[in-house]
N, C-alpha and C. Protein backbone atom coordinates (compact mmCIF):
# COMPACT_ATOMS: atom_id res chain seq x y z
N MET A 1 0.29 -6.38 -1.18
CA MET A 1 -0.21 -5.74 -2.38
C MET A 1 -0.26 -6.79 -3.50
N LEU A 2 -1.16 -6.58 -4.42
CA LEU A 2 -1.27 -7.45 -5.59
C LEU A 2 0.02 -7.41 -6.41
N PRO A 3 0.36 -8.49 -7.09
CA PRO A 3 1.56 -8.46 -7.92
C PRO A 3 1.38 -7.59 -9.17
N VAL A 4 2.48 -7.07 -9.67
CA VAL A 4 2.46 -6.28 -10.90
C VAL A 4 1.83 -7.11 -12.01
N GLY A 5 0.98 -6.47 -12.79
CA GLY A 5 0.29 -7.14 -13.88
C GLY A 5 -1.12 -7.60 -13.52
N SER A 6 -1.48 -7.51 -12.25
CA SER A 6 -2.81 -7.93 -11.80
C SER A 6 -3.89 -6.99 -12.33
N MET A 7 -5.03 -7.57 -12.70
CA MET A 7 -6.18 -6.77 -13.11
C MET A 7 -6.80 -6.14 -11.86
N ILE A 8 -7.21 -4.89 -11.99
CA ILE A 8 -7.85 -4.19 -10.88
C ILE A 8 -9.15 -3.56 -11.38
N MET A 9 -10.21 -3.77 -10.63
CA MET A 9 -11.48 -3.11 -10.90
C MET A 9 -11.49 -1.83 -10.10
N LEU A 10 -11.69 -0.70 -10.77
CA LEU A 10 -11.80 0.59 -10.10
C LEU A 10 -13.25 1.03 -10.13
N VAL A 11 -13.73 1.54 -9.01
CA VAL A 11 -15.11 2.00 -8.92
C VAL A 11 -15.13 3.44 -8.43
N ASP A 12 -15.84 4.28 -9.17
CA ASP A 12 -16.12 5.64 -8.73
C ASP A 12 -17.47 5.57 -8.03
N PRO A 13 -17.48 5.58 -6.67
CA PRO A 13 -18.74 5.37 -5.96
C PRO A 13 -19.76 6.50 -6.14
N VAL A 14 -19.31 7.70 -6.45
CA VAL A 14 -20.23 8.83 -6.63
C VAL A 14 -20.99 8.70 -7.95
N ASN A 15 -20.26 8.45 -9.03
CA ASN A 15 -20.88 8.35 -10.35
C ASN A 15 -21.26 6.92 -10.72
N LYS A 16 -21.00 5.98 -9.80
CA LYS A 16 -21.30 4.57 -9.99
C LYS A 16 -20.70 4.04 -11.31
N LEU A 17 -19.45 4.41 -11.54
CA LEU A 17 -18.74 4.04 -12.75
C LEU A 17 -17.73 2.94 -12.42
N ARG A 18 -17.77 1.83 -13.17
CA ARG A 18 -16.83 0.73 -12.98
C ARG A 18 -15.87 0.69 -14.16
N MET A 19 -14.58 0.55 -13.85
CA MET A 19 -13.55 0.55 -14.88
C MET A 19 -12.56 -0.57 -14.61
N GLN A 20 -11.86 -1.00 -15.65
CA GLN A 20 -10.82 -2.01 -15.50
C GLN A 20 -9.46 -1.38 -15.75
N SER A 21 -8.48 -1.87 -15.03
CA SER A 21 -7.11 -1.42 -15.21
C SER A 21 -6.17 -2.55 -14.84
N ARG A 22 -4.89 -2.29 -14.96
CA ARG A 22 -3.87 -3.29 -14.61
C ARG A 22 -2.79 -2.59 -13.80
N LEU A 23 -2.37 -3.23 -12.72
CA LEU A 23 -1.34 -2.66 -11.85
C LEU A 23 0.02 -2.71 -12.55
N ILE A 24 0.67 -1.55 -12.63
CA ILE A 24 1.99 -1.45 -13.26
C ILE A 24 3.08 -1.48 -12.19
N GLY A 25 2.81 -0.86 -11.04
CA GLY A 25 3.80 -0.81 -9.98
C GLY A 25 3.35 0.10 -8.85
N TRP A 26 4.21 0.27 -7.87
CA TRP A 26 3.88 1.14 -6.75
C TRP A 26 5.15 1.59 -6.03
N ASP A 27 4.99 2.66 -5.31
CA ASP A 27 6.01 3.19 -4.42
C ASP A 27 5.35 3.23 -3.05
N GLU A 28 5.66 2.25 -2.20
CA GLU A 28 4.96 2.12 -0.92
C GLU A 28 5.02 3.43 -0.14
N GLY A 29 3.85 3.90 0.27
CA GLY A 29 3.75 5.17 0.97
C GLY A 29 3.67 6.35 0.02
N GLY A 30 3.85 6.11 -1.28
CA GLY A 30 3.82 7.19 -2.27
C GLY A 30 2.64 7.09 -3.20
N CYS A 31 2.70 6.14 -4.14
CA CYS A 31 1.63 6.05 -5.13
C CYS A 31 1.50 4.64 -5.69
N LEU A 32 0.36 4.39 -6.31
CA LEU A 32 0.13 3.20 -7.14
C LEU A 32 0.15 3.66 -8.58
N MET A 33 0.69 2.84 -9.48
CA MET A 33 0.72 3.16 -10.90
C MET A 33 -0.08 2.10 -11.65
N LEU A 34 -1.07 2.55 -12.39
CA LEU A 34 -1.94 1.64 -13.13
C LEU A 34 -2.03 2.08 -14.58
N GLU A 35 -2.34 1.12 -15.46
CA GLU A 35 -2.65 1.48 -16.84
C GLU A 35 -3.89 2.37 -16.83
N GLN A 36 -4.01 3.22 -17.85
CA GLN A 36 -5.19 4.07 -17.93
C GLN A 36 -6.43 3.18 -17.91
N PRO A 37 -7.38 3.48 -17.03
CA PRO A 37 -8.57 2.62 -16.94
C PRO A 37 -9.43 2.69 -18.20
N THR A 38 -10.13 1.59 -18.42
CA THR A 38 -11.05 1.51 -19.56
C THR A 38 -12.42 1.08 -19.08
N ARG A 39 -13.40 1.45 -19.89
CA ARG A 39 -14.79 1.04 -19.65
C ARG A 39 -15.37 0.73 -21.02
N GLY A 40 -15.75 -0.52 -21.21
CA GLY A 40 -16.28 -0.93 -22.51
C GLY A 40 -15.28 -0.78 -23.64
N GLY A 41 -13.99 -0.92 -23.32
CA GLY A 41 -12.95 -0.81 -24.33
C GLY A 41 -12.47 0.61 -24.61
N SER A 42 -13.11 1.60 -24.00
CA SER A 42 -12.71 3.00 -24.21
C SER A 42 -11.97 3.53 -23.00
N ALA A 43 -10.92 4.32 -23.26
CA ALA A 43 -10.14 4.93 -22.18
C ALA A 43 -11.00 5.92 -21.40
N VAL A 44 -10.76 5.95 -20.08
CA VAL A 44 -11.50 6.85 -19.20
C VAL A 44 -10.53 7.86 -18.59
N GLN A 45 -10.85 9.14 -18.72
CA GLN A 45 -10.07 10.20 -18.09
C GLN A 45 -10.66 10.47 -16.71
N LEU A 46 -9.82 10.51 -15.70
CA LEU A 46 -10.27 10.76 -14.33
C LEU A 46 -9.67 12.06 -13.82
N THR A 47 -10.44 12.78 -13.02
CA THR A 47 -9.99 14.07 -12.52
C THR A 47 -9.17 13.92 -11.24
N LYS A 48 -8.27 14.86 -11.04
CA LYS A 48 -7.42 14.88 -9.85
C LYS A 48 -8.30 14.87 -8.60
N ASP A 49 -7.86 14.13 -7.59
CA ASP A 49 -8.52 14.01 -6.29
C ASP A 49 -9.82 13.20 -6.30
N LEU A 50 -10.20 12.61 -7.44
CA LEU A 50 -11.39 11.77 -7.49
C LEU A 50 -11.19 10.57 -6.58
N HIS A 51 -12.18 10.29 -5.74
CA HIS A 51 -12.13 9.15 -4.82
C HIS A 51 -12.50 7.88 -5.57
N LEU A 52 -11.68 6.83 -5.41
CA LEU A 52 -11.92 5.54 -6.07
C LEU A 52 -11.79 4.40 -5.07
N VAL A 53 -12.48 3.31 -5.37
CA VAL A 53 -12.33 2.06 -4.64
C VAL A 53 -11.72 1.07 -5.62
N GLY A 54 -10.67 0.37 -5.20
CA GLY A 54 -10.01 -0.61 -6.05
C GLY A 54 -10.18 -2.01 -5.49
N ARG A 55 -10.35 -2.98 -6.40
CA ARG A 55 -10.49 -4.38 -5.99
C ARG A 55 -9.74 -5.26 -6.98
N GLY A 56 -9.12 -6.30 -6.46
CA GLY A 56 -8.44 -7.25 -7.32
C GLY A 56 -8.41 -8.62 -6.67
N MET A 57 -8.11 -9.63 -7.48
CA MET A 57 -8.06 -10.99 -6.94
C MET A 57 -6.82 -11.68 -7.52
N TYR A 58 -6.16 -12.45 -6.66
CA TYR A 58 -4.96 -13.17 -7.08
C TYR A 58 -4.78 -14.38 -6.17
N GLU A 59 -4.66 -15.55 -6.78
CA GLU A 59 -4.40 -16.81 -6.07
C GLU A 59 -5.30 -17.02 -4.85
N GLY A 60 -6.59 -16.88 -5.02
CA GLY A 60 -7.54 -17.14 -3.95
C GLY A 60 -7.63 -16.06 -2.89
N ARG A 61 -7.06 -14.90 -3.15
CA ARG A 61 -7.13 -13.79 -2.21
C ARG A 61 -7.76 -12.58 -2.91
N VAL A 62 -8.62 -11.90 -2.19
CA VAL A 62 -9.25 -10.68 -2.70
C VAL A 62 -8.64 -9.50 -1.96
N TRP A 63 -8.28 -8.48 -2.72
CA TRP A 63 -7.66 -7.28 -2.17
C TRP A 63 -8.58 -6.10 -2.42
N GLY A 64 -8.63 -5.17 -1.49
CA GLY A 64 -9.45 -3.97 -1.66
C GLY A 64 -8.78 -2.78 -1.02
N PHE A 65 -9.01 -1.61 -1.60
CA PHE A 65 -8.42 -0.39 -1.06
C PHE A 65 -9.23 0.83 -1.52
N LYS A 66 -9.06 1.93 -0.82
CA LYS A 66 -9.63 3.22 -1.20
C LYS A 66 -8.48 4.17 -1.48
N SER A 67 -8.65 5.00 -2.50
CA SER A 67 -7.58 5.91 -2.87
C SER A 67 -8.15 7.12 -3.61
N ASN A 68 -7.27 8.05 -3.95
CA ASN A 68 -7.63 9.24 -4.72
C ASN A 68 -6.67 9.37 -5.90
N VAL A 69 -7.17 9.97 -6.98
CA VAL A 69 -6.36 10.19 -8.17
C VAL A 69 -5.34 11.30 -7.89
N LEU A 70 -4.06 11.01 -8.16
CA LEU A 70 -3.02 12.04 -8.12
C LEU A 70 -2.99 12.77 -9.47
N PHE A 71 -2.79 12.01 -10.55
CA PHE A 71 -2.80 12.56 -11.91
C PHE A 71 -2.72 11.42 -12.91
N GLN A 72 -2.92 11.76 -14.19
CA GLN A 72 -2.79 10.81 -15.29
C GLN A 72 -1.80 11.37 -16.30
N THR A 73 -1.03 10.49 -16.91
CA THR A 73 -0.16 10.91 -18.01
C THR A 73 -0.70 10.31 -19.30
N VAL A 74 -0.42 10.99 -20.41
CA VAL A 74 -0.82 10.45 -21.70
C VAL A 74 0.40 10.21 -22.58
N GLN A 75 1.52 10.87 -22.27
CA GLN A 75 2.74 10.65 -23.03
C GLN A 75 3.91 10.54 -22.08
N PRO A 76 4.84 9.67 -22.25
CA PRO A 76 4.90 8.73 -23.37
C PRO A 76 3.97 7.54 -23.20
N PHE A 77 3.43 7.34 -21.99
CA PHE A 77 2.50 6.22 -21.76
C PHE A 77 1.29 6.71 -21.00
N ARG A 78 0.18 6.03 -21.18
CA ARG A 78 -1.06 6.38 -20.47
C ARG A 78 -1.06 5.66 -19.12
N ILE A 79 -0.75 6.43 -18.08
CA ILE A 79 -0.62 5.87 -16.73
C ILE A 79 -1.46 6.68 -15.75
N LEU A 80 -2.15 5.97 -14.87
CA LEU A 80 -2.92 6.59 -13.79
C LEU A 80 -2.13 6.44 -12.50
N PHE A 81 -1.94 7.55 -11.80
CA PHE A 81 -1.25 7.54 -10.51
C PHE A 81 -2.28 7.78 -9.41
N LEU A 82 -2.32 6.87 -8.44
CA LEU A 82 -3.22 6.98 -7.30
C LEU A 82 -2.40 7.15 -6.03
N VAL A 83 -2.97 7.83 -5.05
CA VAL A 83 -2.33 7.92 -3.73
C VAL A 83 -2.20 6.51 -3.17
N TYR A 84 -1.03 6.17 -2.60
CA TYR A 84 -0.86 4.85 -2.00
C TYR A 84 -1.86 4.73 -0.84
N PRO A 85 -2.66 3.68 -0.82
CA PRO A 85 -3.71 3.55 0.20
C PRO A 85 -3.16 3.45 1.62
N ASP A 86 -3.88 4.08 2.56
CA ASP A 86 -3.52 3.96 3.98
C ASP A 86 -3.72 2.53 4.46
N GLN A 87 -4.73 1.87 3.92
CA GLN A 87 -5.06 0.51 4.34
C GLN A 87 -5.41 -0.31 3.11
N ILE A 88 -4.87 -1.52 3.05
CA ILE A 88 -5.20 -2.46 1.98
C ILE A 88 -5.76 -3.70 2.65
N GLU A 89 -7.03 -4.00 2.36
CA GLU A 89 -7.66 -5.17 2.96
C GLU A 89 -7.40 -6.40 2.10
N GLU A 90 -7.19 -7.51 2.77
CA GLU A 90 -6.94 -8.78 2.08
C GLU A 90 -7.79 -9.86 2.73
N ILE A 91 -8.51 -10.60 1.90
CA ILE A 91 -9.36 -11.68 2.40
C ILE A 91 -9.01 -12.94 1.62
N SER A 92 -8.82 -14.04 2.32
CA SER A 92 -8.56 -15.32 1.68
C SER A 92 -9.89 -16.03 1.43
N LEU A 93 -10.20 -16.26 0.17
CA LEU A 93 -11.44 -16.96 -0.18
C LEU A 93 -11.38 -18.41 0.25
N ARG A 94 -10.21 -18.99 0.26
CA ARG A 94 -10.08 -20.39 0.65
C ARG A 94 -10.49 -20.61 2.09
N LYS A 95 -10.14 -19.68 2.97
CA LYS A 95 -10.51 -19.80 4.39
C LYS A 95 -12.02 -19.60 4.55
N MET A 96 -12.60 -18.66 3.78
CA MET A 96 -14.03 -18.38 3.90
C MET A 96 -14.87 -19.57 3.45
N ILE A 97 -14.43 -20.24 2.39
CA ILE A 97 -15.21 -21.34 1.82
C ILE A 97 -14.89 -22.65 2.55
N GLY A 98 -13.75 -22.71 3.19
CA GLY A 98 -13.40 -23.91 3.93
C GLY A 98 -12.55 -24.90 3.17
N PHE A 99 -11.84 -24.44 2.13
CA PHE A 99 -10.92 -25.32 1.40
C PHE A 99 -9.78 -25.71 2.30
N ARG A 100 -9.29 -26.91 2.13
CA ARG A 100 -8.13 -27.36 2.90
C ARG A 100 -7.11 -27.96 2.01
């Protein structure tokens, strides 16, 4: 999994909406916790069970996953909770490009 603090791009494939967020933490097998996503600097409210695709990059590796919204909190902090993904894909860009 990406380290805490990593930027994550969230995509709603149905509405073709792209949002940015930051990983706060996770409970493996339980949930992912992210900052409330934004689009163009404005906070985005997401509905329960909405299907999302997440992508992030860290140290030459690209991570991707599919998940659903569990819920969002607004107090005391704006946090998005996603179902912990069944599968998290990881690709090393260095191997693909041929860096040594």
